[in-house]
């Protein structure tokens, strides 16, 4: 079983079946009874809409486990769902994790998976998994550059011969882009909007680079007006949303430039030939590939299915275990 344990979404791949589960990484818990009420999509609908005794939590922040018990609960639930409730199954699990995490954070992921019923736990760096899932030839002695923009982290890596030559992980990604929209709405329009509304704005009219087809777009946004304290509707334009996201986007572009500056010349030549690959949910932001191409001068492609790259990569590793054994960054055997 391959798992992309993401800040925003968790995806599960089962050998021979493909991707069997894709759910938001959210758990709703009844605080009085200390039991989970909903996990995944059902829990996400509750974000910002719960009564006092129910809390909707996201157990992962910035790509790592922030709430251990809730993450374990979530993993157990997903493993059980994939195996249709059979509890005796103890699968071999490959989990994709950000390349910049500490040893303690790695152990927390392994521990959570073991407690959730895994027989063997292997960890693989997300950029490596994303590159394999996107179909890049990571086993060959050629330079491949991948940018994996998730919910909590952006991973920039140069890969060759099944290994990471150099990588950089910045904890600025989809969540921070949504947060910058929230702050903009508050500052400019005096409107308080929730996490889900900001994400909806980003998906519908958000862009990273000026494009004719979206620059005329407008959207009606509902929220609480700061001054009157009453619900209010405001119409916003696409260019102002692009402006609001410019700061976190510039951090991502700077990370790409820094990685390119440190790349050995032979591999840099390969990257110029092959281009840069964009993966992760953040790759779906309109115009992001154009922005990176414009800033680096290197052609940038978006993977065919950017959201599924990491989990497809973990699945390919499972199915070609012997050939790709060198890609693992950590392993635990639960006795």
Protein backbone atom coordinates (compact mmCIF):
# COMPACT_ATOMS: atom_id res chain seq x y z
CA UNK A 1 0.00 0.00 0.00
CA UNK A 2 1.36 3.44 -0.94
CA UNK A 3 0.22 6.54 0.95
CA UNK A 4 0.66 10.21 0.12
CA UNK A 5 0.11 11.65 3.59
CA UNK A 6 -0.52 15.25 2.60
CA UNK A 7 -1.35 18.39 4.56
CA UNK A 8 -4.47 18.95 2.43
CA UNK A 9 -5.29 15.49 1.01
CA UNK A 10 -4.40 11.87 1.73
CA UNK A 11 -4.26 9.45 -1.21
CA UNK A 12 -3.93 5.67 -0.98
CA UNK A 13 -2.63 3.31 -3.68
CA UNK A 14 -3.04 -0.46 -3.43
CA UNK A 15 -0.87 -2.80 -5.54
CA UNK A 16 -2.84 -4.24 -8.43
CA UNK A 17 -5.80 -1.86 -7.89
CA UNK A 18 -4.33 1.64 -8.37
CA UNK A 19 -5.54 4.71 -6.45
CA UNK A 20 -8.39 3.51 -4.23
CA UNK A 21 -8.87 6.52 -1.96
CA UNK A 22 -8.49 10.29 -2.22
CA UNK A 23 -9.80 12.23 0.78
CA UNK A 24 -9.05 15.54 2.53
CA UNK A 25 -6.76 15.15 5.58
CA UNK A 26 -9.42 16.28 8.06
CA UNK A 27 -10.88 14.58 11.15
CA UNK A 28 -13.97 15.77 13.08
CA UNK A 29 -13.90 14.80 16.76
CA UNK A 30 -16.61 14.90 19.44
CA UNK A 31 -14.72 16.46 22.36
CA UNK A 32 -17.17 15.20 25.00
CA UNK A 33 -16.95 11.53 23.98
CA UNK A 34 -13.42 11.78 22.47
CA UNK A 35 -14.50 9.81 19.39
CA UNK A 36 -14.14 10.66 15.69
CA UNK A 37 -17.44 11.68 14.07
CA UNK A 38 -16.21 11.95 10.49
CA UNK A 39 -13.00 11.56 8.51
CA UNK A 40 -12.05 12.94 5.09
CA UNK A 41 -14.62 14.63 2.85
CA UNK A 42 -17.42 14.52 5.44
CA UNK A 43 -15.14 16.13 8.05
CA UNK A 44 -13.95 18.83 5.60
CA UNK A 45 -17.55 19.97 5.12
CA UNK A 46 -17.62 20.65 8.87
CA UNK A 47 -14.56 22.99 8.88
CA UNK A 48 -15.66 26.29 10.42
CA UNK A 49 -19.23 25.02 10.83
CA UNK A 50 -19.12 22.91 13.99
CA UNK A 51 -20.98 23.34 17.32
CA UNK A 52 -19.00 23.86 20.53
CA UNK A 53 -18.45 20.20 21.41
CA UNK A 54 -17.27 19.17 17.91
CA UNK A 55 -13.91 20.20 16.48
CA UNK A 56 -12.74 19.63 12.87
CA UNK A 57 -8.95 19.17 12.86
CA UNK A 58 -6.26 18.92 10.23
CA UNK A 59 -3.69 16.61 11.88
CA UNK A 60 -0.91 17.61 9.45
CA UNK A 61 0.64 21.05 9.22
CA UNK A 62 3.42 22.03 6.82
CA UNK A 63 3.68 18.45 5.58
CA UNK A 64 4.35 16.89 8.99
CA UNK A 65 2.24 15.42 11.79
CA UNK A 66 1.11 18.18 14.16
CA UNK A 67 -1.42 16.10 16.10
CA UNK A 68 -0.13 12.54 16.53
CA UNK A 69 -3.27 10.87 17.94
CA UNK A 70 -5.58 12.37 15.31
CA UNK A 71 -3.16 11.41 12.49
CA UNK A 72 -3.08 7.83 13.78
CA UNK A 73 -6.92 7.79 13.93
CA UNK A 74 -7.09 9.07 10.37
CA UNK A 75 -4.58 6.51 9.04
CA UNK A 76 -6.39 3.66 10.82
CA UNK A 77 -9.70 4.77 9.31
CA UNK A 78 -8.28 4.99 5.77
CA UNK A 79 -6.47 1.61 6.01
CA UNK A 80 -9.68 -0.02 7.30
CA UNK A 81 -11.73 1.58 4.51
CA UNK A 82 -9.33 0.42 1.83
CA UNK A 83 -9.52 -3.15 3.18
CA UNK A 84 -13.30 -2.97 3.55
CA UNK A 85 -13.24 -3.21 7.32
CA UNK A 86 -11.00 -6.30 7.57
CA UNK A 87 -8.87 -5.73 10.68
CA UNK A 88 -6.39 -8.64 10.38
CA UNK A 89 -4.67 -7.14 7.35
CA UNK A 90 -1.23 -5.71 8.18
CA UNK A 91 0.07 -4.22 4.93
CA UNK A 92 3.53 -3.16 3.82
CA UNK A 93 3.24 0.63 3.53
CA UNK A 94 5.32 3.16 1.58
CA UNK A 95 4.70 6.76 2.70
CA UNK A 96 5.77 9.92 0.91
CA UNK A 97 7.14 12.63 3.26
CA UNK A 98 8.70 16.09 2.66
CA UNK A 99 12.48 15.94 2.13
CA UNK A 100 13.14 18.68 4.71
CA UNK A 101 11.63 16.92 7.75
CA UNK A 102 13.66 16.19 10.87
CA UNK A 103 14.48 12.75 12.30
CA UNK A 104 11.83 13.22 15.00
CA UNK A 105 9.19 14.04 12.37
CA UNK A 106 10.19 10.95 10.35
CA UNK A 107 9.84 8.76 13.44
CA UNK A 108 6.40 10.25 14.15
CA UNK A 109 5.17 9.21 10.68
CA UNK A 110 6.63 5.69 11.05
CA UNK A 111 5.16 5.34 14.53
CA UNK A 112 1.69 6.51 13.40
CA UNK A 113 1.69 4.04 10.49
CA UNK A 114 2.89 1.16 12.70
CA UNK A 115 0.22 1.94 15.32
CA UNK A 116 -2.36 2.06 12.53
CA UNK A 117 -1.54 -1.57 11.68
CA UNK A 118 1.32 -1.55 9.15
CA UNK A 119 3.65 -4.57 9.02
CA UNK A 120 6.56 -2.73 7.39
CA UNK A 121 6.88 1.04 6.94
CA UNK A 122 9.14 2.57 4.30
CA UNK A 123 9.57 6.32 3.82
CA UNK A 124 10.27 7.96 0.49
CA UNK A 125 11.01 11.65 -0.10
CA UNK A 126 8.04 13.30 -1.82
CA UNK A 127 10.06 14.85 -4.71
CA UNK A 128 11.45 11.39 -5.60
CA UNK A 129 7.97 9.80 -5.43
CA UNK A 130 6.48 12.69 -7.44
CA UNK A 131 9.17 12.36 -10.13
CA UNK A 132 8.56 8.59 -10.44
CA UNK A 133 4.79 9.21 -10.54
CA UNK A 134 5.19 11.91 -13.21
CA UNK A 135 7.14 9.45 -15.38
CA UNK A 136 10.57 11.11 -15.15
CA UNK A 137 13.52 8.72 -15.81
CA UNK A 138 14.91 8.91 -12.25
CA UNK A 139 16.94 5.68 -12.63
CA UNK A 140 19.05 7.12 -15.48
CA UNK A 141 22.21 9.23 -15.04
CA UNK A 142 20.46 12.40 -16.25
CA UNK A 143 19.35 15.48 -14.34
CA UNK A 144 15.63 15.81 -13.60
CA UNK A 145 14.17 18.79 -11.78
CA UNK A 146 10.84 18.51 -10.01
CA UNK A 147 8.82 21.08 -8.04
CA UNK A 148 6.18 19.46 -5.84
CA UNK A 149 3.79 22.09 -4.44
CA UNK A 150 1.46 20.57 -1.86
CA UNK A 151 -0.76 22.06 0.81
CA UNK A 152 1.92 22.65 3.44
CA UNK A 153 5.31 22.38 1.73
CA UNK A 154 6.96 23.12 -1.61
CA UNK A 155 9.72 20.67 -2.51
CA UNK A 156 12.28 21.60 -5.15
CA UNK A 157 14.69 18.80 -6.07
CA UNK A 158 17.26 17.78 -8.67
CA UNK A 159 17.33 13.99 -9.10
CA UNK A 160 19.64 11.54 -10.85
CA UNK A 161 20.31 7.78 -10.56
CA UNK A 162 17.43 7.08 -8.11
CA UNK A 163 18.75 9.67 -5.68
CA UNK A 164 18.39 13.31 -4.72
CA UNK A 165 21.40 15.37 -5.82
CA UNK A 166 20.10 18.44 -4.02
CA UNK A 167 16.78 19.56 -2.69
CA UNK A 168 15.15 22.42 -0.87
CA UNK A 169 11.95 22.29 1.13
CA UNK A 170 10.09 25.52 1.98
CA UNK A 171 7.04 25.53 4.23
CA UNK A 172 5.17 27.85 1.88
CA UNK A 173 2.59 26.19 -0.37
CA UNK A 174 -1.15 25.99 -1.10
CA UNK A 175 -2.22 26.79 2.49
CA UNK A 176 -0.14 29.99 2.54
CA UNK A 177 -1.58 31.07 -0.82
CA UNK A 178 -5.10 30.67 0.63
CA UNK A 179 -4.06 32.46 3.82
CA UNK A 180 -2.71 35.43 1.82
CA UNK A 181 -6.14 35.72 0.13
CA UNK A 182 -7.83 35.68 3.58
CA UNK A 183 -5.55 38.50 4.79
CA UNK A 184 -6.10 40.51 1.59
CA UNK A 185 -9.90 40.27 1.90
CA UNK A 186 -9.66 41.48 5.50
CA UNK A 187 -7.26 44.36 4.77
CA UNK A 188 -8.67 45.68 1.49
CA UNK A 189 -12.35 44.75 1.60
CA UNK A 190 -12.89 44.61 5.40
CA UNK A 191 -14.38 41.15 4.85
CA UNK A 192 -13.68 38.12 7.05
CA UNK A 193 -13.81 34.88 5.02
CA UNK A 194 -13.16 31.28 6.09
CA UNK A 195 -10.50 28.81 4.99
CA UNK A 196 -12.82 27.07 2.50
CA UNK A 197 -13.92 30.36 0.87
CA UNK A 198 -10.29 31.46 0.35
CA UNK A 199 -9.51 28.12 -1.27
CA UNK A 200 -12.54 28.46 -3.54
CA UNK A 201 -11.39 31.98 -4.62
CA UNK A 202 -7.90 30.60 -5.38
CA UNK A 203 -9.28 27.74 -7.47
CA UNK A 204 -11.81 29.81 -9.41
CA UNK A 205 -10.01 33.08 -10.22
CA UNK A 206 -6.51 32.68 -8.76
CA UNK A 207 -3.54 32.95 -11.13
CA UNK A 208 0.23 33.33 -10.88
CA UNK A 209 0.82 35.18 -14.17
CA UNK A 210 -1.29 37.62 -16.24
CA UNK A 211 -3.40 35.76 -18.82
CA UNK A 212 -6.10 37.20 -21.05
CA UNK A 213 -8.61 34.41 -20.39
CA UNK A 214 -8.74 34.95 -16.60
CA UNK A 215 -7.85 38.63 -16.07
CA UNK A 216 -11.43 39.76 -16.80
CA UNK A 217 -12.94 37.22 -14.39
CA UNK A 218 -14.82 38.40 -11.30
CA UNK A 219 -16.30 36.54 -8.35
CA UNK A 220 -18.89 37.35 -5.71
CA UNK A 221 -17.60 36.55 -2.23
CA UNK A 222 -19.71 36.34 0.91
CA UNK A 223 -18.33 36.90 4.39
CA UNK A 224 -18.63 38.94 7.57
CA UNK A 225 -18.08 42.68 7.24
CA UNK A 226 -15.55 43.83 9.85
CA UNK A 227 -17.06 47.25 10.50
CA UNK A 228 -20.76 46.40 10.65
CA UNK A 229 -20.37 42.81 11.87
CA UNK A 230 -23.04 41.75 9.36
CA UNK A 231 -22.87 39.35 6.40
CA UNK A 232 -21.86 41.14 3.20
CA UNK A 233 -21.21 40.26 -0.47
CA UNK A 234 -18.20 41.76 -2.28
CA UNK A 235 -17.21 41.42 -5.96
CA UNK A 236 -13.50 40.81 -6.52
CA UNK A 237 -11.39 40.74 -9.70
CA UNK A 238 -8.78 38.17 -10.76
CA UNK A 239 -5.79 40.61 -10.94
CA UNK A 240 -6.20 41.65 -7.27
CA UNK A 241 -6.14 37.98 -6.17
CA UNK A 242 -2.94 37.47 -8.17
CA UNK A 243 -1.47 40.50 -6.42
CA UNK A 244 -2.48 39.14 -3.00
CA UNK A 245 -0.58 35.87 -3.66
CA UNK A 246 2.56 37.50 -5.05
CA UNK A 247 4.56 37.25 -1.81
CA UNK A 248 4.28 33.47 -1.18
CA UNK A 249 4.74 32.85 -4.91
CA UNK A 250 8.00 34.83 -4.91
CA UNK A 251 9.29 32.61 -2.04
CA UNK A 252 8.61 29.51 -4.18
CA UNK A 253 10.32 31.06 -7.23
CA UNK A 254 13.35 32.05 -5.09
CA UNK A 255 13.66 28.43 -3.84
CA UNK A 256 13.69 27.23 -7.47
CA UNK A 257 16.37 29.78 -8.40
CA UNK A 258 18.54 28.87 -5.38
CA UNK A 259 18.36 25.17 -6.29
CA UNK A 260 19.31 25.91 -9.92
CA UNK A 261 22.28 28.03 -8.78
CA UNK A 262 23.64 25.07 -6.76
CA UNK A 263 23.06 22.45 -9.51
CA UNK A 264 26.25 20.87 -11.01
CA UNK A 265 26.79 22.10 -14.60
CA UNK A 266 26.26 18.69 -16.30
CA UNK A 267 22.91 18.22 -14.59
CA UNK A 268 21.95 21.87 -15.25
CA UNK A 269 22.49 21.21 -18.98
CA UNK A 270 20.12 18.20 -18.77
CA UNK A 271 17.48 20.33 -17.01
CA UNK A 272 17.68 23.01 -19.75
CA UNK A 273 17.10 20.23 -22.35
CA UNK A 274 14.30 18.44 -20.49
CA UNK A 275 12.68 21.35 -18.65
CA UNK A 276 11.24 21.53 -15.13
CA UNK A 277 8.32 19.34 -14.01
CA UNK A 278 5.56 20.73 -11.76
CA UNK A 279 3.60 18.35 -9.51
CA UNK A 280 1.29 18.54 -6.49
CA UNK A 281 -2.04 20.34 -6.08
CA UNK A 282 -0.33 23.76 -6.26
CA UNK A 283 0.70 22.99 -9.86
CA UNK A 284 -2.98 23.45 -10.80
CA UNK A 285 -2.76 27.20 -10.07
CA UNK A 286 -3.28 28.90 -13.44
CA UNK A 287 -0.17 30.46 -14.95
CA UNK A 288 2.29 29.02 -12.42
CA UNK A 289 4.25 27.16 -15.11
CA UNK A 290 4.45 30.41 -17.14
CA UNK A 291 5.69 32.34 -14.08
CA UNK A 292 8.49 29.81 -13.37
CA UNK A 293 9.46 29.68 -17.09
CA UNK A 294 9.56 33.47 -17.19
CA UNK A 295 11.69 33.76 -14.02
CA UNK A 296 14.17 30.94 -14.79
CA UNK A 297 14.26 30.93 -18.58
CA UNK A 298 13.65 27.14 -18.56
CA UNK A 299 10.59 25.47 -20.08
CA UNK A 300 8.23 24.29 -17.31
CA UNK A 301 5.70 21.48 -17.74
CA UNK A 302 2.78 20.50 -15.50
CA UNK A 303 2.51 16.74 -14.83
CA UNK A 304 -0.44 14.94 -16.45
CA UNK A 305 -2.12 14.32 -13.06
CA UNK A 306 -0.27 16.61 -10.61
CA UNK A 307 -2.44 15.74 -7.58
CA UNK A 308 -1.70 12.01 -7.86
CA UNK A 309 2.04 12.11 -8.70
CA UNK A 310 3.33 11.28 -5.20
CA UNK A 311 0.90 8.42 -4.56
CA UNK A 312 1.47 6.98 -8.08
CA UNK A 313 5.21 7.13 -7.35
CA UNK A 314 4.80 5.19 -4.08
CA UNK A 315 2.72 2.64 -6.01
CA UNK A 316 5.35 2.21 -8.74
CA UNK A 317 8.02 1.72 -6.06
CA UNK A 318 5.87 -0.99 -4.43
CA UNK A 319 5.40 -2.78 -7.73
CA UNK A 320 9.11 -2.55 -8.70
CA UNK A 321 10.42 -3.01 -5.19
CA UNK A 322 13.75 -4.66 -6.03
CA UNK A 323 14.73 -2.25 -8.85
CA UNK A 324 13.81 0.91 -6.90
CA UNK A 325 14.91 -0.11 -3.38
CA UNK A 326 17.58 2.61 -3.28
CA UNK A 327 15.01 5.42 -3.27
CA UNK A 328 13.92 4.92 0.36
CA UNK A 329 14.93 7.50 2.94
CA UNK A 330 13.89 5.57 6.05
CA UNK A 331 12.49 2.25 7.16
CA UNK A 332 10.94 0.67 10.22
CA UNK A 333 9.99 -2.91 10.88
CA UNK A 334 7.26 -3.35 13.45
CA UNK A 335 7.85 -6.61 15.28
